[in-house]
Amino acid sequence: MTEKEAGLKAFADRLNISLDAIHFAASGEGRQDALAKYMGVSQKGARKWLVGESYPVEDKRNRLAALCKVRYEWLMTGNGERYADDRTLRSQAENIETRVSDSLIRIPVMNVECSQGCGRYPPDYETMMDEICISETWLRHNALFSSPSNLSIIVGVGDSMKPTYQDGDLLLVDRGITEIKVDAVYVFRLHDEMYVKRLQSRPDGALLMISDNKAYEPFVITIENRAELKILARILFALNVNRL
């Protein structure tokens, strides 16, 4: 087997593993047909990707990685982390010893910037940049959260959530909340971009994506588009200070 053939086989293995993980049609002709329709290519073209006969053309690769919910670099080369979403954030945050003492808990500050405006792509690698220690008694008095181990801090970017949150505010989030049970402000992924917005359920099953800054119009997430929505965390509050 040549080096090129080995590379193609490894790519096909990663592609099929990723499609299995998202339950994207069973292997065989059914998967070939479904992938061809989704990607806008012929069945023959999709089959070549799946069996390791060719790589996708350049303009199809990002869409394929987005479908598989994996990093582009990992899918195409096998290098780096497989995921670039909250699973990376969660795995790193969970390795941190949460409790400092009987009264203090440690909360990681992650290198994640979420858009309070038009959306923002997540970083390829999500790592802990710093940590903040907070009184658990004070925290439980001021916020309801699932578990101390699910807490982390990210940065909100943009002005669309003013006056509630300011551009650059540190936002305390609960990663244990991944469903919309009440109308609140969430961190979520929509069409592969991350947002911080208020989400409000509508009787017809759609959602309103609301900016607290009245200069921005609400956006409707239709029932059809809800399949593209992934709740990553709920915002508890901002750790902000008055800037002098």
Foldseek 3Di string as FASTA:
>chain_A
DDPLQVLLQVLLVLLVVLCVVVVQADPDLRNLVSVCVVQVHDSVVSVCSNRRNDDDPPVSQVVSLVVSQFDSCCNNGVDDDGHQDCVLVLVQLLVDQFDPDPFKGKAFEKAFEAEQPDFAATDSHIHGDGIDIDGPVVDVVQWDADDSSQKHWYFYADDQQPPQDHHGWIWIWGQVDWDPPDFAWFWKAFPNTTHTFTWDADPVGWIWTHGNRVVDDIDICDPVRCVRMTTRTGTTGTPDDDDD
